[in-house]
Amino acid sequence: MLWRCPVLCIFIFSTGTSLDVYLEPVAKTFTVVAGDPASFYCTVTGGDMKNYHMSWYKKNGTNALFLVYKLNSNSTDGGKSNLKGKINISKNQFILDIQKATMKDAGTYYCGSDI
């Protein structure tokens, strides 16, 4: 018998960068029903989004961080079929979309950047 929890609890936090540039998640915590889409928003303040390579990381059960998506202002696809990333330059936001959330997607997500 296959048991699936119908609800995912997904937390997002951000990591700051140097030179007074900060990454701020739009929502701190939210719950998603399995099979539904989910979107994460991370806003860059104090810098121009076009100057950074943006990434999303996920913390697993052992508290290790794993890169789940990397995108810069010139790319459109990070390669994972259920995860799609995009940048909204006008709002200085990095967005991660999960097409259909599964239990494997549950966890704590961090947005990050590098120059």
PDB file of N, CA and C in Angstrom:
ATOM      1  N   MET A   1       0.834  -1.168   0.000  1.00  0.00           N
ATOM      2  CA  MET A   1       0.000   0.000   0.000  1.00  0.00           C
ATOM      3  C   MET A   1       0.890   1.246   0.000  1.00  0.00           C
ATOM      4  N   LEU A   2       0.602   2.160  -0.886  1.00  0.00           N
ATOM      5  CA  LEU A   2       1.367   3.397  -1.000  1.00  0.00           C
ATOM      6  C   LEU A   2       0.659   4.489  -0.218  1.00  0.00           C
ATOM      7  N   TRP A   3       1.374   5.118   0.706  1.00  0.00           N
ATOM      8  CA  TRP A   3       0.812   6.189   1.508  1.00  0.00           C
ATOM      9  C   TRP A   3       1.448   7.496   1.108  1.00  0.00           C
ATOM     10  N   ARG A   4       0.651   8.499   0.840  1.00  0.00           N
ATOM     11  CA  ARG A   4       1.168   9.819   0.498  1.00  0.00           C
ATOM     12  C   ARG A   4       0.552  10.860   1.414  1.00  0.00           C
ATOM     13  N   CYS A   5       1.384  11.674   1.950  1.00  0.00           N
ATOM     14  CA  CYS A   5       0.903  12.798   2.751  1.00  0.00           C
ATOM     15  C   CYS A   5       0.380  13.859   1.782  1.00  0.00           C
ATOM     16  N   PRO A   6      -0.843  14.341   1.952  1.00  0.00           N
ATOM     17  CA  PRO A   6      -1.416  15.278   0.992  1.00  0.00           C
ATOM     18  C   PRO A   6      -0.893  16.708   1.102  1.00  0.00           C
ATOM     19  N   VAL A   7      -0.126  17.006   2.133  1.00  0.00           N
ATOM     20  CA  VAL A   7       0.307  18.386   2.345  1.00  0.00           C
ATOM     21  C   VAL A   7       1.820  18.442   2.497  1.00  0.00           C
ATOM     22  N   LEU A   8       2.427  19.423   1.868  1.00  0.00           N
ATOM     23  CA  LEU A   8       3.859  19.675   1.994  1.00  0.00           C
ATOM     24  C   LEU A   8       4.048  20.978   2.749  1.00  0.00           C
ATOM     25  N   CYS A   9       4.983  21.006   3.642  1.00  0.00           N
ATOM     26  CA  CYS A   9       5.333  22.249   4.316  1.00  0.00           C
ATOM     27  C   CYS A   9       6.709  22.652   3.813  1.00  0.00           C
ATOM     28  N   ILE A  10       6.790  23.779   3.155  1.00  0.00           N
ATOM     29  CA  ILE A  10       8.030  24.215   2.535  1.00  0.00           C
ATOM     30  C   ILE A  10       8.432  25.548   3.154  1.00  0.00           C
ATOM     31  N   PHE A  11       9.653  25.612   3.647  1.00  0.00           N
ATOM     32  CA  PHE A  11      10.175  26.824   4.262  1.00  0.00           C
ATOM     33  C   PHE A  11      11.244  27.404   3.348  1.00  0.00           C
ATOM     34  N   ILE A  12      11.284  28.710   3.221  1.00  0.00           N
ATOM     35  CA  ILE A  12      12.360  29.325   2.463  1.00  0.00           C
ATOM     36  C   ILE A  12      13.008  30.423   3.292  1.00  0.00           C
ATOM     37  N   PHE A  13      14.302  30.468   3.183  1.00  0.00           N
ATOM     38  CA  PHE A  13      15.097  31.501   3.829  1.00  0.00           C
ATOM     39  C   PHE A  13      16.111  31.958   2.793  1.00  0.00           C
ATOM     40  N   SER A  14      16.825  32.988   3.068  1.00  0.00           N
ATOM     41  CA  SER A  14      17.806  33.444   2.095  1.00  0.00           C
ATOM     42  C   SER A  14      19.156  33.630   2.753  1.00  0.00           C
ATOM     43  N   THR A  15      20.170  33.623   1.899  1.00  0.00           N
ATOM     44  CA  THR A  15      21.518  33.909   2.358  1.00  0.00           C
ATOM     45  C   THR A  15      21.904  35.271   1.819  1.00  0.00           C
ATOM     46  N   GLY A  16      22.534  36.071   2.618  1.00  0.00           N
ATOM     47  CA  GLY A  16      22.939  37.402   2.183  1.00  0.00           C
ATOM     48  C   GLY A  16      24.251  37.359   1.423  1.00  0.00           C
ATOM     49  N   THR A  17      24.514  38.383   0.668  1.00  0.00           N
ATOM     50  CA  THR A  17      25.776  38.516  -0.034  1.00  0.00           C
ATOM     51  C   THR A  17      26.494  39.732   0.520  1.00  0.00           C
ATOM     52  N   SER A  18      27.738  39.909   0.135  1.00  0.00           N
ATOM     53  CA  SER A  18      28.519  41.020   0.663  1.00  0.00           C
ATOM     54  C   SER A  18      28.186  42.326  -0.038  1.00  0.00           C
ATOM     55  N   LEU A  19      28.836  43.392   0.378  1.00  0.00           N
ATOM     56  CA  LEU A  19      28.701  44.716  -0.206  1.00  0.00           C
ATOM     57  C   LEU A  19      27.291  45.276  -0.076  1.00  0.00           C
ATOM     58  N   ASP A  20      26.621  44.999   1.040  1.00  0.00           N
ATOM     59  CA  ASP A  20      25.280  45.514   1.309  1.00  0.00           C
ATOM     60  C   ASP A  20      24.234  45.079   0.288  1.00  0.00           C
ATOM     61  N   VAL A  21      24.416  43.916  -0.282  1.00  0.00           N
ATOM     62  CA  VAL A  21      23.415  43.324  -1.158  1.00  0.00           C
ATOM     63  C   VAL A  21      22.758  42.201  -0.374  1.00  0.00           C
ATOM     64  N   TYR A  22      21.422  42.207  -0.315  1.00  0.00           N
ATOM     65  CA  TYR A  22      20.705  41.218   0.480  1.00  0.00           C
ATOM     66  C   TYR A  22      19.687  40.472  -0.365  1.00  0.00           C
ATOM     67  N   LEU A  23      19.466  39.218  -0.002  1.00  0.00           N
ATOM     68  CA  LEU A  23      18.433  38.402  -0.625  1.00  0.00           C
ATOM     69  C   LEU A  23      17.338  38.195   0.401  1.00  0.00           C
ATOM     70  N   GLU A  24      16.121  38.470   0.019  1.00  0.00           N
ATOM     71  CA  GLU A  24      14.999  38.381   0.953  1.00  0.00           C
ATOM     72  C   GLU A  24      13.869  37.567   0.336  1.00  0.00           C
ATOM     73  N   PRO A  25      13.474  36.464   1.001  1.00  0.00           N
ATOM     74  CA  PRO A  25      12.339  35.701   0.477  1.00  0.00           C
ATOM     75  C   PRO A  25      11.052  36.499   0.641  1.00  0.00           C
ATOM     76  N   VAL A  26      10.147  36.371  -0.311  1.00  0.00           N
ATOM     77  CA  VAL A  26       8.874  37.082  -0.242  1.00  0.00           C
ATOM     78  C   VAL A  26       7.970  36.452   0.811  1.00  0.00           C
ATOM     79  N   ALA A  27       7.930  35.124   0.882  1.00  0.00           N
ATOM     80  CA  ALA A  27       7.142  34.412   1.902  1.00  0.00           C
ATOM     81  C   ALA A  27       8.095  33.563   2.727  1.00  0.00           C
ATOM     82  N   LYS A  28       7.948  33.591   4.029  1.00  0.00           N
ATOM     83  CA  LYS A  28       8.841  32.820   4.890  1.00  0.00           C
ATOM     84  C   LYS A  28       8.442  31.348   4.944  1.00  0.00           C
ATOM     85  N   THR A  29       7.158  31.059   5.060  1.00  0.00           N
ATOM     86  CA  THR A  29       6.678  29.691   5.209  1.00  0.00           C
ATOM     87  C   THR A  29       5.362  29.536   4.463  1.00  0.00           C
ATOM     88  N   PHE A  30       5.197  28.422   3.785  1.00  0.00           N
ATOM     89  CA  PHE A  30       3.894  28.131   3.201  1.00  0.00           C
ATOM     90  C   PHE A  30       3.716  26.635   3.030  1.00  0.00           C
ATOM     91  N   THR A  31       2.467  26.236   2.866  1.00  0.00           N
ATOM     92  CA  THR A  31       2.108  24.833   2.723  1.00  0.00           C
ATOM     93  C   THR A  31       1.536  24.612   1.333  1.00  0.00           C
ATOM     94  N   VAL A  32       1.895  23.485   0.730  1.00  0.00           N
ATOM     95  CA  VAL A  32       1.457  23.152  -0.620  1.00  0.00           C
ATOM     96  C   VAL A  32       0.850  21.756  -0.604  1.00  0.00           C
ATOM     97  N   VAL A  33      -0.252  21.578  -1.297  1.00  0.00           N
ATOM     98  CA  VAL A  33      -0.864  20.256  -1.438  1.00  0.00           C
ATOM     99  C   VAL A  33      -0.096  19.482  -2.501  1.00  0.00           C
ATOM    100  N   ALA A  34       0.183  18.202  -2.232  1.00  0.00           N
ATOM    101  CA  ALA A  34       0.898  17.360  -3.195  1.00  0.00           C
ATOM    102  C   ALA A  34       0.160  17.377  -4.531  1.00  0.00           C
ATOM    103  N   GLY A  35       0.920  17.547  -5.609  1.00  0.00           N
ATOM    104  CA  GLY A  35       0.356  17.614  -6.950  1.00  0.00           C
ATOM    105  C   GLY A  35       0.107  19.025  -7.431  1.00  0.00           C
ATOM    106  N   ASP A  36       0.064  19.980  -6.507  1.00  0.00           N
ATOM    107  CA  ASP A  36      -0.142  21.377  -6.873  1.00  0.00           C
ATOM    108  C   ASP A  36       1.198  22.048  -7.177  1.00  0.00           C
ATOM    109  N   PRO A  37       1.162  23.143  -7.928  1.00  0.00           N
ATOM    110  CA  PRO A  37       2.400  23.892  -8.167  1.00  0.00           C
ATOM    111  C   PRO A  37       2.764  24.740  -6.953  1.00  0.00           C
ATOM    112  N   ALA A  38       4.023  25.125  -6.889  1.00  0.00           N
ATOM    113  CA  ALA A  38       4.509  26.009  -5.829  1.00  0.00           C
ATOM    114  C   ALA A  38       5.519  26.968  -6.443  1.00  0.00           C
ATOM    115  N   SER A  39       5.539  28.185  -5.955  1.00  0.00           N
ATOM    116  CA  SER A  39       6.496  29.181  -6.440  1.00  0.00           C
ATOM    117  C   SER A  39       7.190  29.843  -5.261  1.00  0.00           C
ATOM    118  N   PHE A  40       8.513  29.982  -5.383  1.00  0.00           N
ATOM    119  CA  PHE A  40       9.339  30.661  -4.394  1.00  0.00           C
ATOM    120  C   PHE A  40       9.824  31.964  -5.017  1.00  0.00           C
ATOM    121  N   TYR A  41       9.809  33.040  -4.255  1.00  0.00           N
ATOM    122  CA  TYR A  41      10.278  34.333  -4.728  1.00  0.00           C
ATOM    123  C   TYR A  41      11.366  34.832  -3.796  1.00  0.00           C
ATOM    124  N   CYS A  42      12.458  35.286  -4.376  1.00  0.00           N
ATOM    125  CA  CYS A  42      13.563  35.826  -3.600  1.00  0.00           C
ATOM    126  C   CYS A  42      13.943  37.170  -4.221  1.00  0.00           C
ATOM    127  N   THR A  43      13.888  38.226  -3.430  1.00  0.00           N
ATOM    128  CA  THR A  43      14.151  39.569  -3.931  1.00  0.00           C
ATOM    129  C   THR A  43      15.563  40.014  -3.572  1.00  0.00           C
ATOM    130  N   VAL A  44      16.263  40.575  -4.541  1.00  0.00           N
ATOM    131  CA  VAL A  44      17.598  41.131  -4.332  1.00  0.00           C
ATOM    132  C   VAL A  44      17.443  42.620  -4.049  1.00  0.00           C
ATOM    133  N   THR A  45      18.011  43.085  -2.926  1.00  0.00           N
ATOM    134  CA  THR A  45      17.996  44.515  -2.618  1.00  0.00           C
ATOM    135  C   THR A  45      19.430  45.003  -2.458  1.00  0.00           C
ATOM    136  N   GLY A  46      19.664  46.222  -2.897  1.00  0.00           N
ATOM    137  CA  GLY A  46      20.982  46.816  -2.757  1.00  0.00           C
ATOM    138  C   GLY A  46      21.926  46.502  -3.900  1.00  0.00           C
ATOM    139  N   GLY A  47      21.430  45.876  -4.952  1.00  0.00           N
ATOM    140  CA  GLY A  47      22.279  45.542  -6.090  1.00  0.00           C
ATOM    141  C   GLY A  47      21.440  45.271  -7.322  1.00  0.00           C
ATOM    142  N   ASP A  48      22.097  45.193  -8.450  1.00  0.00           N
ATOM    143  CA  ASP A  48      21.423  44.931  -9.717  1.00  0.00           C
ATOM    144  C   ASP A  48      21.408  43.432  -9.986  1.00  0.00           C
ATOM    145  N   MET A  49      20.234  42.870 -10.129  1.00  0.00           N
ATOM    146  CA  MET A  49      20.041  41.435 -10.343  1.00  0.00           C
ATOM    147  C   MET A  49      20.850  40.911 -11.533  1.00  0.00           C
ATOM    148  N   LYS A  50      21.061  41.745 -12.535  1.00  0.00           N
ATOM    149  CA  LYS A  50      21.779  41.310 -13.737  1.00  0.00           C
ATOM    150  C   LYS A  50      23.237  40.960 -13.460  1.00  0.00           C
ATOM    151  N   ASN A  51      23.749  41.366 -12.305  1.00  0.00           N
ATOM    152  CA  ASN A  51      25.152  41.124 -11.977  1.00  0.00           C
ATOM    153  C   ASN A  51      25.393  39.824 -11.223  1.00  0.00           C
ATOM    154  N   TYR A  52      24.353  39.043 -10.967  1.00  0.00           N
ATOM    155  CA  TYR A  52      24.495  37.868 -10.110  1.00  0.00           C
ATOM    156  C   TYR A  52      24.005  36.590 -10.782  1.00  0.00           C
ATOM    157  N   HIS A  53      24.604  35.486 -10.378  1.00  0.00           N
ATOM    158  CA  HIS A  53      24.131  34.155 -10.751  1.00  0.00           C
ATOM    159  C   HIS A  53      23.328  33.653  -9.558  1.00  0.00           C
ATOM    160  N   MET A  54      22.062  33.379  -9.772  1.00  0.00           N
ATOM    161  CA  MET A  54      21.164  33.026  -8.677  1.00  0.00           C
ATOM    162  C   MET A  54      21.026  31.514  -8.551  1.00  0.00           C
ATOM    163  N   SER A  55      20.887  31.050  -7.317  1.00  0.00           N
ATOM    164  CA  SER A  55      20.770  29.619  -7.039  1.00  0.00           C
ATOM    165  C   SER A  55      19.720  29.378  -5.963  1.00  0.00           C
ATOM    166  N   TRP A  56      19.133  28.189  -6.006  1.00  0.00           N
ATOM    167  CA  TRP A  56      18.264  27.706  -4.939  1.00  0.00           C
ATOM    168  C   TRP A  56      18.893  26.460  -4.355  1.00  0.00           C
ATOM    169  N   TYR A  57      18.911  26.382  -3.042  1.00  0.00           N
ATOM    170  CA  TYR A  57      19.447  25.229  -2.318  1.00  0.00           C
ATOM    171  C   TYR A  57      18.345  24.648  -1.448  1.00  0.00           C
ATOM    172  N   LYS A  58      18.447  23.357  -1.183  1.00  0.00           N
ATOM    173  CA  LYS A  58      17.486  22.681  -0.314  1.00  0.00           C
ATOM    174  C   LYS A  58      18.241  21.965   0.785  1.00  0.00           C
ATOM    175  N   LYS A  59      17.754  22.100   2.012  1.00  0.00           N
ATOM    176  CA  LYS A  59      18.355  21.409   3.151  1.00  0.00           C
ATOM    177  C   LYS A  59      17.654  20.067   3.310  1.00  0.00           C
ATOM    178  N   ASN A  60      18.452  19.006   3.411  1.00  0.00           N
ATOM    179  CA  ASN A  60      17.861  17.676   3.574  1.00  0.00           C
ATOM    180  C   ASN A  60      17.761  17.307   5.051  1.00  0.00           C
ATOM    181  N   GLY A  61      17.376  16.066   5.325  1.00  0.00           N
ATOM    182  CA  GLY A  61      17.184  15.603   6.696  1.00  0.00           C
ATOM    183  C   GLY A  61      18.430  15.613   7.552  1.00  0.00           C
ATOM    184  N   THR A  62      19.610  15.596   6.928  1.00  0.00           N
ATOM    185  CA  THR A  62      20.865  15.627   7.686  1.00  0.00           C
ATOM    186  C   THR A  62      21.425  17.044   7.792  1.00  0.00           C
ATOM    187  N   ASN A  63      20.618  18.032   7.428  1.00  0.00           N
ATOM    188  CA  ASN A  63      20.979  19.453   7.468  1.00  0.00           C
ATOM    189  C   ASN A  63      22.049  19.848   6.461  1.00  0.00           C
ATOM    190  N   ALA A  64      22.294  19.009   5.470  1.00  0.00           N
ATOM    191  CA  ALA A  64      23.224  19.365   4.400  1.00  0.00           C
ATOM    192  C   ALA A  64      22.465  20.151   3.332  1.00  0.00           C
ATOM    193  N   LEU A  65      23.121  21.142   2.737  1.00  0.00           N
ATOM    194  CA  LEU A  65      22.519  21.918   1.658  1.00  0.00           C
ATOM    195  C   LEU A  65      22.912  21.327   0.314  1.00  0.00           C
ATOM    196  N   PHE A  66      21.926  21.206  -0.575  1.00  0.00           N
ATOM    197  CA  PHE A  66      22.163  20.705  -1.918  1.00  0.00           C
ATOM    198  C   PHE A  66      21.654  21.717  -2.926  1.00  0.00           C
ATOM    199  N   LEU A  67      22.450  21.964  -3.962  1.00  0.00           N
ATOM    200  CA  LEU A  67      22.026  22.841  -5.043  1.00  0.00           C
ATOM    201  C   LEU A  67      20.899  22.155  -5.806  1.00  0.00           C
ATOM    202  N   VAL A  68      19.752  22.819  -5.931  1.00  0.00           N
ATOM    203  CA  VAL A  68      18.643  22.243  -6.689  1.00  0.00           C
ATOM    204  C   VAL A  68      18.368  23.017  -7.968  1.00  0.00           C
ATOM    205  N   TYR A  69      18.847  24.272  -8.054  1.00  0.00           N
ATOM    206  CA  TYR A  69      18.619  25.048  -9.274  1.00  0.00           C
ATOM    207  C   TYR A  69      19.583  26.222  -9.323  1.00  0.00           C
ATOM    208  N   LYS A  70      20.180  26.450 -10.490  1.00  0.00           N
ATOM    209  CA  LYS A  70      21.083  27.585 -10.690  1.00  0.00           C
ATOM    210  C   LYS A  70      20.669  28.287 -11.970  1.00  0.00           C
ATOM    211  N   LEU A  71      20.608  29.600 -11.912  1.00  0.00           N
ATOM    212  CA  LEU A  71      20.158  30.382 -13.057  1.00  0.00           C
ATOM    213  C   LEU A  71      20.833  31.742 -13.017  1.00  0.00           C
ATOM    214  N   ASN A  72      21.211  32.248 -14.189  1.00  0.00           N
ATOM    215  CA  ASN A  72      21.679  33.630 -14.240  1.00  0.00           C
ATOM    216  C   ASN A  72      20.787  34.405 -15.185  1.00  0.00           C
ATOM    217  N   SER A  73      21.025  35.683 -15.321  1.00  0.00           N
ATOM    218  CA  SER A  73      20.119  36.533 -16.094  1.00  0.00           C
ATOM    219  C   SER A  73      20.099  36.185 -17.580  1.00  0.00           C
ATOM    220  N   ASN A  74      21.064  35.410 -18.060  1.00  0.00           N
ATOM    221  CA  ASN A  74      21.111  35.056 -19.476  1.00  0.00           C
ATOM    222  C   ASN A  74      20.608  33.653 -19.776  1.00  0.00           C
ATOM    223  N   SER A  75      20.247  32.872 -18.759  1.00  0.00           N
ATOM    224  CA  SER A  75      19.803  31.506 -19.007  1.00  0.00           C
ATOM    225  C   SER A  75      18.327  31.362 -18.690  1.00  0.00           C
ATOM    226  N   THR A  76      17.722  30.309 -19.244  1.00  0.00           N
ATOM    227  CA  THR A  76      16.294  30.109 -19.052  1.00  0.00           C
ATOM    228  C   THR A  76      15.962  28.745 -18.487  1.00  0.00           C
ATOM    229  N   ASP A  77      16.910  27.845 -18.403  1.00  0.00           N
ATOM    230  CA  ASP A  77      16.599  26.492 -17.957  1.00  0.00           C
ATOM    231  C   ASP A  77      17.715  25.951 -17.084  1.00  0.00           C
ATOM    232  N   GLY A  78      17.362  25.451 -15.923  1.00  0.00           N
ATOM    233  CA  GLY A  78      18.338  24.857 -15.027  1.00  0.00           C
ATOM    234  C   GLY A  78      18.478  23.364 -15.201  1.00  0.00           C
ATOM    235  N   GLY A  79      17.650  22.730 -16.044  1.00  0.00           N
ATOM    236  CA  GLY A  79      17.821  21.329 -16.363  1.00  0.00           C
ATOM    237  C   GLY A  79      16.948  20.349 -15.613  1.00  0.00           C
ATOM    238  N   LYS A  80      16.317  20.718 -14.525  1.00  0.00           N
ATOM    239  CA  LYS A  80      15.456  19.781 -13.788  1.00  0.00           C
ATOM    240  C   LYS A  80      14.026  19.964 -14.277  1.00  0.00           C
ATOM    241  N   SER A  81      13.406  18.867 -14.694  1.00  0.00           N
ATOM    242  CA  SER A  81      12.106  18.962 -15.345  1.00  0.00           C
ATOM    243  C   SER A  81      10.993  19.477 -14.431  1.00  0.00           C
ATOM    244  N   ASN A  82      10.985  19.129 -13.153  1.00  0.00           N
ATOM    245  CA  ASN A  82       9.926  19.578 -12.257  1.00  0.00           C
ATOM    246  C   ASN A  82      10.207  20.970 -11.689  1.00  0.00           C
ATOM    247  N   LEU A  83      11.426  21.454 -11.852  1.00  0.00           N
ATOM    248  CA  LEU A  83      11.814  22.765 -11.339  1.00  0.00           C
ATOM    249  C   LEU A  83      12.114  23.705 -12.496  1.00  0.00           C
ATOM    250  N   LYS A  84      11.527  24.875 -12.463  1.00  0.00           N
ATOM    251  CA  LYS A  84      11.782  25.894 -13.476  1.00  0.00           C
ATOM    252  C   LYS A  84      12.115  27.195 -12.773  1.00  0.00           C
ATOM    253  N   GLY A  85      13.167  27.830 -13.220  1.00  0.00           N
ATOM    254  CA  GLY A  85      13.566  29.091 -12.629  1.00  0.00           C
ATOM    255  C   GLY A  85      13.419  30.224 -13.612  1.00  0.00           C
ATOM    256  N   LYS A  86      13.220  31.411 -13.076  1.00  0.00           N
ATOM    257  CA  LYS A  86      13.158  32.598 -13.926  1.00  0.00           C
ATOM    258  C   LYS A  86      13.534  33.812 -13.094  1.00  0.00           C
ATOM    259  N   ILE A  87      13.871  34.864 -13.799  1.00  0.00           N
ATOM    260  CA  ILE A  87      14.241  36.117 -13.152  1.00  0.00           C
ATOM    261  C   ILE A  87      13.291  37.200 -13.634  1.00  0.00           C
ATOM    262  N   ASN A  88      12.767  37.973 -12.704  1.00  0.00           N
ATOM    263  CA  ASN A  88      11.967  39.141 -13.029  1.00  0.00           C
ATOM    264  C   ASN A  88      12.859  40.352 -12.762  1.00  0.00           C
ATOM    265  N   ILE A  89      13.500  40.838 -13.818  1.00  0.00           N
ATOM    266  CA  ILE A  89      14.464  41.937 -13.691  1.00  0.00           C
ATOM    267  C   ILE A  89      13.805  43.191 -13.123  1.00  0.00           C
ATOM    268  N   SER A  90      12.579  43.501 -13.560  1.00  0.00           N
ATOM    269  CA  SER A  90      11.934  44.744 -13.117  1.00  0.00           C
ATOM    270  C   SER A  90      11.652  44.750 -11.610  1.00  0.00           C
ATOM    271  N   LYS A  91      11.443  43.574 -11.012  1.00  0.00           N
ATOM    272  CA  LYS A  91      11.202  43.483  -9.568  1.00  0.00           C
ATOM    273  C   LYS A  91      12.425  42.996  -8.809  1.00  0.00           C
ATOM    274  N   ASN A  92      13.528  42.747  -9.532  1.00  0.00           N
ATOM    275  CA  ASN A  92      14.751  42.211  -8.923  1.00  0.00           C
ATOM    276  C   ASN A  92      14.460  40.925  -8.144  1.00  0.00           C
ATOM    277  N   GLN A  93      13.667  40.027  -8.762  1.00  0.00           N
ATOM    278  CA  GLN A  93      13.280  38.780  -8.109  1.00  0.00           C
ATOM    279  C   GLN A  93      13.784  37.564  -8.872  1.00  0.00           C
ATOM    280  N   PHE A  94      14.192  36.566  -8.109  1.00  0.00           N
ATOM    281  CA  PHE A  94      14.557  35.253  -8.615  1.00  0.00           C
ATOM    282  C   PHE A  94      13.439  34.314  -8.187  1.00  0.00           C
ATOM    283  N   ILE A  95      12.856  33.598  -9.145  1.00  0.00           N
ATOM    284  CA  ILE A  95      11.679  32.776  -8.881  1.00  0.00           C
ATOM    285  C   ILE A  95      11.984  31.319  -9.196  1.00  0.00           C
ATOM    286  N   LEU A  96      11.597  30.432  -8.297  1.00  0.00           N
ATOM    287  CA  LEU A  96      11.690  28.995  -8.525  1.00  0.00           C
ATOM    288  C   LEU A  96      10.280  28.436  -8.523  1.00  0.00           C
ATOM    289  N   ASP A  97       9.891  27.790  -9.627  1.00  0.00           N
ATOM    290  CA  ASP A  97       8.583  27.152  -9.733  1.00  0.00           C
ATOM    291  C   ASP A  97       8.740  25.649  -9.652  1.00  0.00           C
ATOM    292  N   ILE A  98       7.944  25.014  -8.802  1.00  0.00           N
ATOM    293  CA  ILE A  98       7.825  23.556  -8.774  1.00  0.00           C
ATOM    294  C   ILE A  98       6.527  23.246  -9.505  1.00  0.00           C
ATOM    295  N   GLN A  99       6.619  22.499 -10.604  1.00  0.00           N
ATOM    296  CA  GLN A  99       5.456  22.254 -11.445  1.00  0.00           C
ATOM    297  C   GLN A  99       4.366  21.468 -10.723  1.00  0.00           C
ATOM    298  N   LYS A 100       4.730  20.318 -10.150  1.00  0.00           N
ATOM    299  CA  LYS A 100       3.806  19.476  -9.380  1.00  0.00           C
ATOM    300  C   LYS A 100       4.549  19.007  -8.140  1.00  0.00           C
ATOM    301  N   ALA A 101       4.213  19.566  -7.002  1.00  0.00           N
ATOM    302  CA  ALA A 101       4.922  19.255  -5.762  1.00  0.00           C
ATOM    303  C   ALA A 101       4.708  17.801  -5.342  1.00  0.00           C
ATOM    304  N   THR A 102       5.786  17.186  -4.869  1.00  0.00           N
ATOM    305  CA  THR A 102       5.734  15.833  -4.321  1.00  0.00           C
ATOM    306  C   THR A 102       6.349  15.865  -2.927  1.00  0.00           C
ATOM    307  N   MET A 103       6.273  14.760  -2.234  1.00  0.00           N
ATOM    308  CA  MET A 103       6.871  14.689  -0.900  1.00  0.00           C
ATOM    309  C   MET A 103       8.382  14.925  -0.956  1.00  0.00           C
ATOM    310  N   LYS A 104       9.021  14.582  -2.074  1.00  0.00           N
ATOM    311  CA  LYS A 104      10.466  14.817  -2.214  1.00  0.00           C
ATOM    312  C   LYS A 104      10.798  16.307  -2.229  1.00  0.00           C
ATOM    313  N   ASP A 105       9.820  17.140  -2.539  1.00  0.00           N
ATOM    314  CA  ASP A 105      10.047  18.583  -2.591  1.00  0.00           C
ATOM    315  C   ASP A 105       9.927  19.253  -1.226  1.00  0.00           C
ATOM    316  N   ALA A 106       9.404  18.545  -0.238  1.00  0.00           N
ATOM    317  CA  ALA A 106       9.237  19.135   1.095  1.00  0.00           C
ATOM    318  C   ALA A 106      10.599  19.444   1.695  1.00  0.00           C
ATOM    319  N   GLY A 107      10.725  20.576   2.352  1.00  0.00           N
ATOM    320  CA  GLY A 107      11.982  20.914   2.991  1.00  0.00           C
ATOM    321  C   GLY A 107      12.167  22.398   3.160  1.00  0.00           C
ATOM    322  N   THR A 108      13.369  22.765   3.526  1.00  0.00           N
ATOM    323  CA  THR A 108      13.752  24.157   3.703  1.00  0.00           C
ATOM    324  C   THR A 108      14.584  24.576   2.504  1.00  0.00           C
ATOM    325  N   TYR A 109      14.180  25.652   1.853  1.00  0.00           N
ATOM    326  CA  TYR A 109      14.860  26.150   0.663  1.00  0.00           C
ATOM    327  C   TYR A 109      15.554  27.474   0.976  1.00  0.00           C
ATOM    328  N   TYR A 110      16.711  27.661   0.373  1.00  0.00           N
ATOM    329  CA  TYR A 110      17.498  28.881   0.532  1.00  0.00           C
ATOM    330  C   TYR A 110      17.802  29.440  -0.849  1.00  0.00           C
ATOM    331  N   CYS A 111      17.656  30.745  -1.005  1.00  0.00           N
ATOM    332  CA  CYS A 111      18.127  31.353  -2.247  1.00  0.00           C
ATOM    333  C   CYS A 111      19.517  31.917  -1.980  1.00  0.00           C
ATOM    334  N   GLY A 112      20.338  31.890  -2.991  1.00  0.00           N
ATOM    335  CA  GLY A 112      21.697  32.382  -2.863  1.00  0.00           C
ATOM    336  C   GLY A 112      22.151  33.021  -4.160  1.00  0.00           C
ATOM    337  N   SER A 113      23.247  33.746  -4.105  1.00  0.00           N
ATOM    338  CA  SER A 113      23.778  34.377  -5.311  1.00  0.00           C
ATOM    339  C   SER A 113      25.293  34.441  -5.250  1.00  0.00           C
ATOM    340  N   ASP A 114      25.873  34.549  -6.420  1.00  0.00           N
ATOM    341  CA  ASP A 114      27.302  34.800  -6.522  1.00  0.00           C
ATOM    342  C   ASP A 114      27.525  35.723  -7.706  1.00  0.00           C
ATOM    343  N   ILE A 115      28.619  36.428  -7.680  1.00  0.00           N
ATOM    344  CA  ILE A 115      28.916  37.398  -8.739  1.00  0.00           C
ATOM    345  C   ILE A 115      29.544  36.689  -9.911  1.00  0.00           C
TER     346      ILE A 115
END
